[in-house]
Amino acid sequence: MTESKSMILGCAGKSLSREEIQFYRGECPWGFILFARNISETEQIRDLVDEMRDCIGRPGAPVFIDQEGGRVQRLRPPLAPNYPAGAAIGALWRDDHDVGERAAWLLARLHAFDLLKLGITVDCLPVLDVPIEGASDVIGARAYGKEPKSVTALGKASAEGLMAGGVLPVMKHIPGHGRAFADTHFELPTVNASLSDLQRHDFAPFRELNHLPMAMTAHVVYAAVDPDNPATTSGRVVDEIIRREIGFDGLLISDDTSMKALSGDFPSKAAAILAAGVDIVLHCNGVMEEMAGIASRTTGLEGKSLERAERSLNYIQERDQADEAEIRAEFATYFEAVA
């Protein structure tokens, strides 16, 4: 079996082309990610997931998706209900902490039901960003709240709900995207807050949940730490903030390299991400030329990165035996429209 490379890749359509199969077989990405363009109906998704794993010879290869609720939800009816965004869960929490945390757990447990039956094993959730007033709406209602306490509590409940159902969580966007005044899909934001403000507000949820198995970086410059590079390509942010200050020793995955916040060509992006100490390079849009550029500078998964990857996949020790109908019925007491 070919050694896995330190990358997660998307694909172009609802099944793999012959070119994609040959490319993945030769380059052997560690995992894959699905988007709305890859999704139509249940058997098609299962077949695609099986194809992905078969072509790299790894039945346990992780398959990722962004299934938060609200506007960031790749599975839609009839595959899954239109679930509420994080802000709606946060509103419940502000009225009653226990109710909010239970609703967050239930929603994540429902995500796990929806995903695992399709063979999808990793959800890029919880969103632990803490927005400030006036920040870009790229996070917006995806956030649980505007204070670290609610974000931490609901992020913890969401992660636990996913894991109870056998799906791994990815906390994002470490060390915090909430102060960004630009959408990283289109440009690179710079955050000028002091280190003490970042530590108190932005970093806090990640620090509290630093035991979780995976995290995704923010394409954001933190001027107080490294004024020249976004977190995704900053060795200083990765080492001093993510690994030491926050204390996260899980698998660190870049945000999407096809986003415009990162400059340079795709080989240069991949090399810079790995040089900064990020474990895995993520590329999402399935464009072959771009994926080939990423693969050209992506190395085999080894050393501490390999240890973290293996540890992350073994993080869940046991799934619960919850009844899906009961979980849906209980969740409907909070959000009747998604019964």
C-alpha atoms as a PDB file:
ATOM      1  CA  MET A   1       0.000   0.000   0.000  1.00  0.00           C
ATOM      2  CA  THR A   2       1.292   3.446  -0.938  1.00  0.00           C
ATOM      3  CA  GLU A   3       2.175   5.762   1.943  1.00  0.00           C
ATOM      4  CA  SER A   4      -0.548   8.365   2.541  1.00  0.00           C
ATOM      5  CA  LYS A   5       0.295  11.954   1.708  1.00  0.00           C
ATOM      6  CA  SER A   6      -0.449  14.844   4.064  1.00  0.00           C
ATOM      7  CA  MET A   7      -3.495  16.080   2.174  1.00  0.00           C
ATOM      8  CA  ILE A   8      -7.278  15.920   2.005  1.00  0.00           C
ATOM      9  CA  LEU A   9      -8.784  16.368  -1.461  1.00  0.00           C
ATOM     10  CA  GLY A  10     -12.179  16.938  -3.031  1.00  0.00           C
ATOM     11  CA  CYS A  11     -13.494  15.688  -6.352  1.00  0.00           C
ATOM     12  CA  ALA A  12     -15.278  17.349  -9.241  1.00  0.00           C
ATOM     13  CA  GLY A  13     -18.611  15.540  -9.470  1.00  0.00           C
ATOM     14  CA  LYS A  14     -20.929  12.841  -8.202  1.00  0.00           C
ATOM     15  CA  SER A  15     -18.674   9.967  -9.203  1.00  0.00           C
ATOM     16  CA  LEU A  16     -14.967   9.696  -9.834  1.00  0.00           C
ATOM     17  CA  SER A  17     -13.601  10.107 -13.339  1.00  0.00           C
ATOM     18  CA  ARG A  18     -10.962   7.729 -14.625  1.00  0.00           C
ATOM     19  CA  GLU A  19      -8.426  10.562 -14.339  1.00  0.00           C
ATOM     20  CA  GLU A  20      -9.354  11.173 -10.705  1.00  0.00           C
ATOM     21  CA  ILE A  21      -9.092   7.485  -9.820  1.00  0.00           C
ATOM     22  CA  GLN A  22      -5.633   7.282 -11.373  1.00  0.00           C
ATOM     23  CA  PHE A  23      -4.545  10.503  -9.676  1.00  0.00           C
ATOM     24  CA  TYR A  24      -5.753   9.496  -6.202  1.00  0.00           C
ATOM     25  CA  ARG A  25      -4.289   6.028  -6.608  1.00  0.00           C
ATOM     26  CA  GLY A  26      -0.910   7.495  -7.470  1.00  0.00           C
ATOM     27  CA  GLU A  27      -0.886  10.355  -4.940  1.00  0.00           C
ATOM     28  CA  CYS A  28      -2.755   8.616  -2.094  1.00  0.00           C
ATOM     29  CA  PRO A  29      -4.356  11.462  -0.119  1.00  0.00           C
ATOM     30  CA  TRP A  30      -4.928  10.768   3.580  1.00  0.00           C
ATOM     31  CA  GLY A  31      -8.614  11.670   3.257  1.00  0.00           C
ATOM     32  CA  PHE A  32     -11.358  13.225   1.133  1.00  0.00           C
ATOM     33  CA  ILE A  33     -13.969  15.952   1.496  1.00  0.00           C
ATOM     34  CA  LEU A  34     -17.454  16.235  -0.020  1.00  0.00           C
ATOM     35  CA  PHE A  35     -19.365  19.337  -1.123  1.00  0.00           C
ATOM     36  CA  ALA A  36     -22.863  19.965  -2.476  1.00  0.00           C
ATOM     37  CA  ARG A  37     -21.680  19.335  -6.059  1.00  0.00           C
ATOM     38  CA  ASN A  38     -20.842  15.752  -5.031  1.00  0.00           C
ATOM     39  CA  ILE A  39     -24.255  14.973  -3.578  1.00  0.00           C
ATOM     40  CA  SER A  40     -27.558  13.812  -5.065  1.00  0.00           C
ATOM     41  CA  GLU A  41     -29.060  10.783  -3.332  1.00  0.00           C
ATOM     42  CA  THR A  42     -28.199   8.135  -0.765  1.00  0.00           C
ATOM     43  CA  GLU A  43     -26.823   5.317  -2.917  1.00  0.00           C
ATOM     44  CA  GLN A  44     -24.862   7.728  -5.098  1.00  0.00           C
ATOM     45  CA  ILE A  45     -23.108   9.191  -2.033  1.00  0.00           C
ATOM     46  CA  ARG A  46     -22.332   5.764  -0.613  1.00  0.00           C
ATOM     47  CA  ASP A  47     -20.950   4.659  -3.970  1.00  0.00           C
ATOM     48  CA  LEU A  48     -18.783   7.776  -4.252  1.00  0.00           C
ATOM     49  CA  VAL A  49     -17.401   7.333  -0.739  1.00  0.00           C
ATOM     50  CA  ASP A  50     -16.637   3.672  -1.487  1.00  0.00           C
ATOM     51  CA  GLU A  51     -14.941   4.664  -4.763  1.00  0.00           C
ATOM     52  CA  MET A  52     -12.738   7.154  -2.941  1.00  0.00           C
ATOM     53  CA  ARG A  53     -11.605   4.639  -0.380  1.00  0.00           C
ATOM     54  CA  ASP A  54     -11.197   1.826  -2.897  1.00  0.00           C
ATOM     55  CA  CYS A  55      -8.906   3.787  -5.193  1.00  0.00           C
ATOM     56  CA  ILE A  56      -6.386   4.421  -2.388  1.00  0.00           C
ATOM     57  CA  GLY A  57      -6.780   0.956  -0.847  1.00  0.00           C
ATOM     58  CA  ARG A  58      -7.808   2.247   2.597  1.00  0.00           C
ATOM     59  CA  PRO A  59     -11.306   1.231   3.754  1.00  0.00           C
ATOM     60  CA  GLY A  60     -10.913   3.414   6.844  1.00  0.00           C
ATOM     61  CA  ALA A  61      -9.804   6.586   5.062  1.00  0.00           C
ATOM     62  CA  PRO A  62     -11.617   9.574   6.616  1.00  0.00           C
ATOM     63  CA  VAL A  63     -14.264  11.346   4.556  1.00  0.00           C
ATOM     64  CA  PHE A  64     -15.049  14.912   5.666  1.00  0.00           C
ATOM     65  CA  ILE A  65     -17.984  17.239   5.152  1.00  0.00           C
ATOM     66  CA  ASP A  66     -19.159  20.646   6.410  1.00  0.00           C
ATOM     67  CA  GLN A  67     -22.499  19.885   8.018  1.00  0.00           C
ATOM     68  CA  GLU A  68     -23.158  22.636  10.546  1.00  0.00           C
ATOM     69  CA  GLY A  69     -26.778  23.662  10.005  1.00  0.00           C
ATOM     70  CA  GLY A  70     -27.949  26.996   8.648  1.00  0.00           C
ATOM     71  CA  ARG A  71     -26.283  28.130   5.450  1.00  0.00           C
ATOM     72  CA  VAL A  72     -23.294  25.779   5.808  1.00  0.00           C
ATOM     73  CA  GLN A  73     -24.967  22.419   5.327  1.00  0.00           C
ATOM     74  CA  ARG A  74     -24.029  20.174   2.406  1.00  0.00           C
ATOM     75  CA  LEU A  75     -26.751  17.555   2.958  1.00  0.00           C
ATOM     76  CA  ARG A  76     -30.198  19.033   2.326  1.00  0.00           C
ATOM     77  CA  PRO A  77     -33.726  17.571   2.217  1.00  0.00           C
ATOM     78  CA  PRO A  78     -34.548  14.800   1.610  1.00  0.00           C
ATOM     79  CA  LEU A  79     -31.117  13.554   2.726  1.00  0.00           C
ATOM     80  CA  ALA A  80     -31.273  15.618   5.911  1.00  0.00           C
ATOM     81  CA  PRO A  81     -33.617  18.305   7.269  1.00  0.00           C
ATOM     82  CA  ASN A  82     -32.681  21.978   7.032  1.00  0.00           C
ATOM     83  CA  TYR A  83     -31.174  22.316  10.489  1.00  0.00           C
ATOM     84  CA  PRO A  84     -30.796  25.570  12.455  1.00  0.00           C
ATOM     85  CA  ALA A  85     -27.532  27.502  12.510  1.00  0.00           C
ATOM     86  CA  GLY A  86     -25.332  27.816  15.561  1.00  0.00           C
ATOM     87  CA  ALA A  87     -26.792  31.200  16.459  1.00  0.00           C
ATOM     88  CA  ALA A  88     -30.233  29.624  16.964  1.00  0.00           C
ATOM     89  CA  ILE A  89     -28.739  27.145  19.413  1.00  0.00           C
ATOM     90  CA  GLY A  90     -26.989  30.037  21.115  1.00  0.00           C
ATOM     91  CA  ALA A  91     -30.299  31.850  21.549  1.00  0.00           C
ATOM     92  CA  LEU A  92     -31.670  28.849  23.458  1.00  0.00           C
ATOM     93  CA  TRP A  93     -28.552  28.804  25.640  1.00  0.00           C
ATOM     94  CA  ARG A  94     -28.949  32.436  26.600  1.00  0.00           C
ATOM     95  CA  ASP A  95     -32.426  31.671  27.932  1.00  0.00           C
ATOM     96  CA  ASP A  96     -31.460  28.409  29.614  1.00  0.00           C
ATOM     97  CA  HIS A  97     -27.917  26.997  29.567  1.00  0.00           C
ATOM     98  CA  ASP A  98     -29.004  23.388  30.062  1.00  0.00           C
ATOM     99  CA  VAL A  99     -31.579  23.580  27.269  1.00  0.00           C
ATOM    100  CA  GLY A 100     -29.081  25.124  24.864  1.00  0.00           C
ATOM    101  CA  GLU A 101     -26.426  22.534  25.572  1.00  0.00           C
ATOM    102  CA  ARG A 102     -28.896  19.688  25.210  1.00  0.00           C
ATOM    103  CA  ALA A 103     -30.115  21.090  21.891  1.00  0.00           C
ATOM    104  CA  ALA A 104     -26.515  21.411  20.661  1.00  0.00           C
ATOM    105  CA  TRP A 105     -25.812  17.790  21.593  1.00  0.00           C
ATOM    106  CA  LEU A 106     -29.015  16.573  19.952  1.00  0.00           C
ATOM    107  CA  LEU A 107     -28.340  18.451  16.727  1.00  0.00           C
ATOM    108  CA  ALA A 108     -24.830  17.047  16.500  1.00  0.00           C
ATOM    109  CA  ARG A 109     -26.128  13.564  17.279  1.00  0.00           C
ATOM    110  CA  LEU A 110     -28.582  13.956  14.376  1.00  0.00           C
ATOM    111  CA  HIS A 111     -25.715  15.007  12.111  1.00  0.00           C
ATOM    112  CA  ALA A 112     -23.954  11.791  13.090  1.00  0.00           C
ATOM    113  CA  PHE A 113     -27.016   9.712  12.155  1.00  0.00           C
ATOM    114  CA  ASP A 114     -27.247  11.505   8.798  1.00  0.00           C
ATOM    115  CA  LEU A 115     -23.549  11.222   7.968  1.00  0.00           C
ATOM    116  CA  LEU A 116     -22.532   7.789   9.159  1.00  0.00           C
ATOM    117  CA  LYS A 117     -25.236   6.009   7.141  1.00  0.00           C
ATOM    118  CA  LEU A 118     -23.563   7.511   4.047  1.00  0.00           C
ATOM    119  CA  GLY A 119     -20.057   6.482   5.084  1.00  0.00           C
ATOM    120  CA  ILE A 120     -19.016  10.034   6.018  1.00  0.00           C
ATOM    121  CA  THR A 121     -16.939   9.895   9.182  1.00  0.00           C
ATOM    122  CA  VAL A 122     -15.783  13.457   9.954  1.00  0.00           C
ATOM    123  CA  ASP A 123     -17.826  16.651  10.353  1.00  0.00           C
ATOM    124  CA  CYS A 124     -16.097  20.046  10.268  1.00  0.00           C
ATOM    125  CA  LEU A 125     -17.897  21.166  13.417  1.00  0.00           C
ATOM    126  CA  PRO A 126     -17.919  22.785  15.998  1.00  0.00           C
ATOM    127  CA  VAL A 127     -17.373  26.392  14.929  1.00  0.00           C
ATOM    128  CA  LEU A 128     -15.497  27.907  17.881  1.00  0.00           C
ATOM    129  CA  ASP A 129     -15.061  31.393  16.427  1.00  0.00           C
ATOM    130  CA  VAL A 130     -16.284  34.266  18.632  1.00  0.00           C
ATOM    131  CA  PRO A 131     -17.378  37.155  16.384  1.00  0.00           C
ATOM    132  CA  ILE A 132     -17.077  40.792  17.373  1.00  0.00           C
ATOM    133  CA  GLU A 133     -19.421  43.561  16.265  1.00  0.00           C
ATOM    134  CA  GLY A 134     -18.823  44.581  12.660  1.00  0.00           C
ATOM    135  CA  ALA A 135     -16.812  41.506  11.676  1.00  0.00           C
ATOM    136  CA  SER A 136     -17.322  39.839   8.298  1.00  0.00           C
ATOM    137  CA  ASP A 137     -20.500  37.805   7.976  1.00  0.00           C
ATOM    138  CA  VAL A 138     -18.455  34.835   6.763  1.00  0.00           C
ATOM    139  CA  ILE A 139     -18.904  33.501  10.307  1.00  0.00           C
ATOM    140  CA  GLY A 140     -22.030  35.421  11.355  1.00  0.00           C
ATOM    141  CA  ALA A 141     -24.899  33.127  12.360  1.00  0.00           C
ATOM    142  CA  ARG A 142     -22.591  30.122  12.187  1.00  0.00           C
ATOM    143  CA  ALA A 143     -21.236  31.180  15.590  1.00  0.00           C
ATOM    144  CA  TYR A 144     -22.966  30.057  18.785  1.00  0.00           C
ATOM    145  CA  GLY A 145     -22.553  33.459  20.375  1.00  0.00           C
ATOM    146  CA  LYS A 146     -20.421  36.538  20.841  1.00  0.00           C
ATOM    147  CA  GLU A 147     -18.848  35.547  24.130  1.00  0.00           C
ATOM    148  CA  PRO A 148     -16.351  32.739  24.772  1.00  0.00           C
ATOM    149  CA  LYS A 149     -18.444  31.073  27.488  1.00  0.00           C
ATOM    150  CA  SER A 150     -21.395  30.175  25.255  1.00  0.00           C
ATOM    151  CA  VAL A 151     -19.180  29.195  22.336  1.00  0.00           C
ATOM    152  CA  THR A 152     -17.148  26.876  24.562  1.00  0.00           C
ATOM    153  CA  ALA A 153     -20.169  25.243  26.182  1.00  0.00           C
ATOM    154  CA  LEU A 154     -22.076  24.684  22.938  1.00  0.00           C
ATOM    155  CA  GLY A 155     -18.970  23.668  21.020  1.00  0.00           C
ATOM    156  CA  LYS A 156     -18.244  21.040  23.665  1.00  0.00           C
ATOM    157  CA  ALA A 157     -21.806  19.715  23.525  1.00  0.00           C
ATOM    158  CA  SER A 158     -21.710  19.579  19.718  1.00  0.00           C
ATOM    159  CA  ALA A 159     -18.408  17.702  19.640  1.00  0.00           C
ATOM    160  CA  GLU A 160     -19.705  15.221  22.193  1.00  0.00           C
ATOM    161  CA  GLY A 161     -22.917  14.685  20.223  1.00  0.00           C
ATOM    162  CA  LEU A 162     -20.981  13.901  17.056  1.00  0.00           C
ATOM    163  CA  MET A 163     -18.645  11.507  18.829  1.00  0.00           C
ATOM    164  CA  ALA A 164     -21.502   9.740  20.614  1.00  0.00           C
ATOM    165  CA  GLY A 165     -22.728   8.854  17.122  1.00  0.00           C
ATOM    166  CA  GLY A 166     -19.315   7.748  15.850  1.00  0.00           C
ATOM    167  CA  VAL A 167     -18.427  10.872  13.837  1.00  0.00           C
ATOM    168  CA  LEU A 168     -15.227  12.823  14.496  1.00  0.00           C
ATOM    169  CA  PRO A 169     -15.396  16.596  15.080  1.00  0.00           C
ATOM    170  CA  VAL A 170     -13.078  19.243  13.623  1.00  0.00           C
ATOM    171  CA  MET A 171     -13.019  22.493  15.587  1.00  0.00           C
ATOM    172  CA  LYS A 172     -12.620  25.572  13.453  1.00  0.00           C
ATOM    173  CA  HIS A 173     -11.101  28.024  12.732  1.00  0.00           C
ATOM    174  CA  ILE A 174      -8.152  27.873  15.120  1.00  0.00           C
ATOM    175  CA  PRO A 175      -6.957  30.179  16.714  1.00  0.00           C
ATOM    176  CA  GLY A 176     -10.121  32.213  15.989  1.00  0.00           C
ATOM    177  CA  HIS A 177     -11.806  33.821  12.979  1.00  0.00           C
ATOM    178  CA  GLY A 178     -14.242  36.043  14.839  1.00  0.00           C
ATOM    179  CA  ARG A 179     -12.392  39.352  14.405  1.00  0.00           C
ATOM    180  CA  ALA A 180     -11.847  39.037  10.660  1.00  0.00           C
ATOM    181  CA  PHE A 181     -13.306  42.007   8.768  1.00  0.00           C
ATOM    182  CA  ALA A 182     -12.934  40.284   5.386  1.00  0.00           C
ATOM    183  CA  ASP A 183     -14.220  37.042   3.891  1.00  0.00           C
ATOM    184  CA  THR A 184     -11.237  34.705   3.523  1.00  0.00           C
ATOM    185  CA  HIS A 185     -12.825  33.110   0.461  1.00  0.00           C
ATOM    186  CA  PHE A 186     -11.916  36.340  -1.357  1.00  0.00           C
ATOM    187  CA  GLU A 187      -9.199  38.214   0.579  1.00  0.00           C
ATOM    188  CA  LEU A 188      -6.795  37.973   3.484  1.00  0.00           C
ATOM    189  CA  PRO A 189      -7.926  39.718   6.693  1.00  0.00           C
ATOM    190  CA  THR A 190      -5.565  41.160   9.301  1.00  0.00           C
ATOM    191  CA  VAL A 191      -6.559  41.239  12.971  1.00  0.00           C
ATOM    192  CA  ASN A 192      -4.892  44.023  14.935  1.00  0.00           C
ATOM    193  CA  ALA A 193      -6.139  43.111  18.418  1.00  0.00           C
ATOM    194  CA  SER A 194      -3.627  42.851  21.239  1.00  0.00           C
ATOM    195  CA  LEU A 195      -2.317  39.457  22.260  1.00  0.00           C
ATOM    196  CA  SER A 196      -4.052  39.788  25.646  1.00  0.00           C
ATOM    197  CA  ASP A 197      -7.415  40.433  23.952  1.00  0.00           C
ATOM    198  CA  LEU A 198      -6.898  37.458  21.656  1.00  0.00           C
ATOM    199  CA  GLN A 199      -5.984  35.231  24.588  1.00  0.00           C
ATOM    200  CA  ARG A 200      -9.020  36.287  26.597  1.00  0.00           C
ATOM    201  CA  HIS A 201     -11.611  36.249  23.813  1.00  0.00           C
ATOM    202  CA  ASP A 202     -10.607  34.458  20.605  1.00  0.00           C
ATOM    203  CA  PHE A 203      -8.321  31.703  21.846  1.00  0.00           C
ATOM    204  CA  ALA A 204     -10.414  30.765  24.897  1.00  0.00           C
ATOM    205  CA  PRO A 205     -12.824  28.203  23.358  1.00  0.00           C
ATOM    206  CA  PHE A 206      -9.973  26.409  21.592  1.00  0.00           C
ATOM    207  CA  ARG A 207      -7.934  26.317  24.794  1.00  0.00           C
ATOM    208  CA  GLU A 208     -10.860  24.850  26.734  1.00  0.00           C
ATOM    209  CA  LEU A 209     -11.450  22.187  24.066  1.00  0.00           C
ATOM    210  CA  ASN A 210      -7.815  21.518  23.201  1.00  0.00           C
ATOM    211  CA  HIS A 211      -8.315  17.792  23.841  1.00  0.00           C
ATOM    212  CA  LEU A 212     -10.452  17.360  20.704  1.00  0.00           C
ATOM    213  CA  PRO A 213      -8.864  15.275  17.933  1.00  0.00           C
ATOM    214  CA  MET A 214      -8.766  17.710  14.988  1.00  0.00           C
ATOM    215  CA  ALA A 215      -8.746  21.429  14.255  1.00  0.00           C
ATOM    216  CA  MET A 216      -8.832  23.550  11.093  1.00  0.00           C
ATOM    217  CA  THR A 217      -6.724  26.686  10.760  1.00  0.00           C
ATOM    218  CA  ALA A 218      -7.843  30.246  10.050  1.00  0.00           C
ATOM    219  CA  HIS A 219      -6.551  32.074   6.968  1.00  0.00           C
ATOM    220  CA  VAL A 220      -6.158  35.178   9.141  1.00  0.00           C
ATOM    221  CA  VAL A 221      -3.144  37.355  10.010  1.00  0.00           C
ATOM    222  CA  TYR A 222      -2.767  38.067  13.733  1.00  0.00           C
ATOM    223  CA  ALA A 223      -0.549  41.134  13.758  1.00  0.00           C
ATOM    224  CA  ALA A 224       0.328  40.753  17.442  1.00  0.00           C
ATOM    225  CA  VAL A 225       1.858  37.332  16.714  1.00  0.00           C
ATOM    226  CA  ASP A 226       3.011  37.339  13.075  1.00  0.00           C
ATOM    227  CA  PRO A 227       2.209  40.445  10.995  1.00  0.00           C
ATOM    228  CA  ASP A 228       3.471  38.870   7.785  1.00  0.00           C
ATOM    229  CA  ASN A 229       1.720  35.503   7.517  1.00  0.00           C
ATOM    230  CA  PRO A 230      -1.768  34.097   8.099  1.00  0.00           C
ATOM    231  CA  ALA A 231      -2.066  31.411  10.762  1.00  0.00           C
ATOM    232  CA  THR A 232      -2.230  28.686   8.109  1.00  0.00           C
ATOM    233  CA  THR A 233       1.321  29.447   6.914  1.00  0.00           C
ATOM    234  CA  SER A 234       2.784  30.933  10.094  1.00  0.00           C
ATOM    235  CA  GLY A 235       5.207  28.754  12.012  1.00  0.00           C
ATOM    236  CA  ARG A 236       5.023  31.281  14.841  1.00  0.00           C
ATOM    237  CA  VAL A 237       1.237  31.031  15.151  1.00  0.00           C
ATOM    238  CA  VAL A 238       1.282  27.239  14.881  1.00  0.00           C
ATOM    239  CA  ASP A 239       4.085  26.736  17.401  1.00  0.00           C
ATOM    240  CA  GLU A 240       3.653  29.591  19.872  1.00  0.00           C
ATOM    241  CA  ILE A 241      -0.140  29.963  19.828  1.00  0.00           C
ATOM    242  CA  ILE A 242      -1.836  26.774  18.622  1.00  0.00           C
ATOM    243  CA  ARG A 243       0.568  24.216  20.052  1.00  0.00           C
ATOM    244  CA  ARG A 244       1.816  26.055  23.175  1.00  0.00           C
ATOM    245  CA  GLU A 245      -0.595  28.823  24.206  1.00  0.00           C
ATOM    246  CA  ILE A 246      -3.765  26.910  23.284  1.00  0.00           C
ATOM    247  CA  GLY A 247      -2.177  23.547  24.025  1.00  0.00           C
ATOM    248  CA  PHE A 248      -3.649  21.712  21.038  1.00  0.00           C
ATOM    249  CA  ASP A 249      -1.681  18.588  20.116  1.00  0.00           C
ATOM    250  CA  GLY A 250      -4.277  17.033  17.827  1.00  0.00           C
ATOM    251  CA  LEU A 251      -4.288  16.834  14.033  1.00  0.00           C
ATOM    252  CA  LEU A 252      -3.994  20.322  12.525  1.00  0.00           C
ATOM    253  CA  ILE A 253      -5.603  20.731   9.095  1.00  0.00           C
ATOM    254  CA  SER A 254      -5.394  23.821   6.902  1.00  0.00           C
ATOM    255  CA  ASP A 255      -8.508  25.607   5.762  1.00  0.00           C
ATOM    256  CA  ASP A 256      -9.139  25.262   2.024  1.00  0.00           C
ATOM    257  CA  THR A 257      -6.088  26.165  -0.067  1.00  0.00           C
ATOM    258  CA  SER A 258      -8.277  27.251  -2.980  1.00  0.00           C
ATOM    259  CA  MET A 259      -9.558  30.236  -0.970  1.00  0.00           C
ATOM    260  CA  LYS A 260      -8.216  33.596  -2.166  1.00  0.00           C
ATOM    261  CA  ALA A 261      -6.840  34.560   1.263  1.00  0.00           C
ATOM    262  CA  LEU A 262      -3.715  32.498   0.550  1.00  0.00           C
ATOM    263  CA  SER A 263      -1.352  33.930  -2.034  1.00  0.00           C
ATOM    264  CA  GLY A 264       0.961  32.116  -4.412  1.00  0.00           C
ATOM    265  CA  ASP A 265       0.569  29.105  -6.664  1.00  0.00           C
ATOM    266  CA  PHE A 266      -0.681  25.796  -5.336  1.00  0.00           C
ATOM    267  CA  PRO A 267       2.702  24.077  -4.974  1.00  0.00           C
ATOM    268  CA  SER A 268       3.935  27.088  -2.970  1.00  0.00           C
ATOM    269  CA  LYS A 269       0.830  27.095  -0.773  1.00  0.00           C
ATOM    270  CA  ALA A 270       1.211  23.412   0.074  1.00  0.00           C
ATOM    271  CA  ALA A 271       4.917  23.791   0.864  1.00  0.00           C
ATOM    272  CA  ALA A 272       4.319  26.841   3.065  1.00  0.00           C
ATOM    273  CA  ILE A 273       1.512  25.148   5.011  1.00  0.00           C
ATOM    274  CA  LEU A 274       3.593  22.080   5.798  1.00  0.00           C
ATOM    275  CA  ALA A 275       6.674  24.168   6.584  1.00  0.00           C
ATOM    276  CA  ALA A 276       4.638  26.097   9.155  1.00  0.00           C
ATOM    277  CA  GLY A 277       3.929  22.881  11.046  1.00  0.00           C
ATOM    278  CA  VAL A 278       0.364  22.230   9.876  1.00  0.00           C
ATOM    279  CA  ASP A 279      -0.127  18.471   9.570  1.00  0.00           C
ATOM    280  CA  ILE A 280      -2.542  18.228   6.623  1.00  0.00           C
ATOM    281  CA  VAL A 281      -3.146  20.371   3.519  1.00  0.00           C
ATOM    282  CA  LEU A 282      -6.808  20.695   2.537  1.00  0.00           C
ATOM    283  CA  HIS A 283      -7.911  21.334  -1.044  1.00  0.00           C
ATOM    284  CA  CYS A 284     -11.630  21.306  -1.729  1.00  0.00           C
ATOM    285  CA  ASN A 285     -12.781  22.307  -5.224  1.00  0.00           C
ATOM    286  CA  GLY A 286     -11.739  19.173  -7.120  1.00  0.00           C
ATOM    287  CA  VAL A 287      -9.920  21.068  -9.907  1.00  0.00           C
ATOM    288  CA  MET A 288      -7.348  18.610 -11.189  1.00  0.00           C
ATOM    289  CA  GLU A 289      -4.650  21.119 -12.105  1.00  0.00           C
ATOM    290  CA  GLU A 290      -4.799  22.651  -8.619  1.00  0.00           C
ATOM    291  CA  MET A 291      -4.791  19.254  -6.892  1.00  0.00           C
ATOM    292  CA  ALA A 292      -1.759  18.219  -8.913  1.00  0.00           C
ATOM    293  CA  GLY A 293       0.011  21.374  -7.749  1.00  0.00           C
ATOM    294  CA  ILE A 294      -0.829  20.586  -4.119  1.00  0.00           C
ATOM    295  CA  ALA A 295       0.320  16.993  -4.505  1.00  0.00           C
ATOM    296  CA  SER A 296       3.615  18.032  -6.097  1.00  0.00           C
ATOM    297  CA  ARG A 297       4.827  19.618  -2.841  1.00  0.00           C
ATOM    298  CA  THR A 298       2.969  17.516  -0.292  1.00  0.00           C
ATOM    299  CA  THR A 299       5.064  14.998   1.560  1.00  0.00           C
ATOM    300  CA  GLY A 300       4.219  11.597   2.997  1.00  0.00           C
ATOM    301  CA  LEU A 301       2.479  11.593   6.348  1.00  0.00           C
ATOM    302  CA  GLU A 302       5.155  10.749   8.906  1.00  0.00           C
ATOM    303  CA  GLY A 303       6.565  11.516  12.338  1.00  0.00           C
ATOM    304  CA  LYS A 304       4.390  13.498  14.738  1.00  0.00           C
ATOM    305  CA  SER A 305       1.880  14.266  12.000  1.00  0.00           C
ATOM    306  CA  LEU A 306       1.357  10.561  11.356  1.00  0.00           C
ATOM    307  CA  GLU A 307       1.007   9.933  15.096  1.00  0.00           C
ATOM    308  CA  ARG A 308      -1.620  12.677  15.373  1.00  0.00           C
ATOM    309  CA  ALA A 309      -3.490  11.365  12.330  1.00  0.00           C
ATOM    310  CA  GLU A 310      -3.607   7.829  13.701  1.00  0.00           C
ATOM    311  CA  ARG A 311      -4.572   9.060  17.156  1.00  0.00           C
ATOM    312  CA  SER A 312      -7.391  11.178  15.736  1.00  0.00           C
ATOM    313  CA  LEU A 313      -8.944   8.232  13.892  1.00  0.00           C
ATOM    314  CA  ASN A 314      -8.857   6.171  17.088  1.00  0.00           C
ATOM    315  CA  TYR A 315     -10.214   8.958  19.294  1.00  0.00           C
ATOM    316  CA  ILE A 316     -13.758   7.569  19.527  1.00  0.00           C
ATOM    317  CA  GLN A 317     -13.724   4.459  21.664  1.00  0.00           C
ATOM    318  CA  GLU A 318     -17.414   3.578  21.692  1.00  0.00           C
ATOM    319  CA  ARG A 319     -20.641   4.760  20.036  1.00  0.00           C
ATOM    320  CA  ASP A 320     -23.875   5.073  21.934  1.00  0.00           C
ATOM    321  CA  GLN A 321     -26.974   3.054  21.051  1.00  0.00           C
ATOM    322  CA  ALA A 322     -29.346   6.014  20.795  1.00  0.00           C
ATOM    323  CA  ASP A 323     -32.606   5.623  18.916  1.00  0.00           C
ATOM    324  CA  GLU A 324     -32.780   8.002  15.952  1.00  0.00           C
ATOM    325  CA  ALA A 325     -36.548   8.533  16.149  1.00  0.00           C
ATOM    326  CA  GLU A 326     -36.316   9.419  19.827  1.00  0.00           C
ATOM    327  CA  ILE A 327     -33.484  11.889  19.213  1.00  0.00           C
ATOM    328  CA  ARG A 328     -35.427  13.535  16.377  1.00  0.00           C
ATOM    329  CA  ALA A 329     -38.538  13.764  18.485  1.00  0.00           C
ATOM    330  CA  GLU A 330     -36.678  15.365  21.367  1.00  0.00           C
ATOM    331  CA  PHE A 331     -34.931  17.837  19.064  1.00  0.00           C
ATOM    332  CA  ALA A 332     -38.329  18.753  17.603  1.00  0.00           C
ATOM    333  CA  THR A 333     -39.391  20.016  21.014  1.00  0.00           C
ATOM    334  CA  TYR A 334     -36.824  22.806  20.485  1.00  0.00           C
ATOM    335  CA  PHE A 335     -37.100  23.226  16.709  1.00  0.00           C
ATOM    336  CA  GLU A 336     -40.441  21.913  15.490  1.00  0.00           C
ATOM    337  CA  ALA A 337     -39.709  22.662  11.810  1.00  0.00           C
ATOM    338  CA  VAL A 338     -36.967  20.014  11.689  1.00  0.00           C
ATOM    339  CA  ALA A 339     -38.841  17.167  13.373  1.00  0.00           C
END
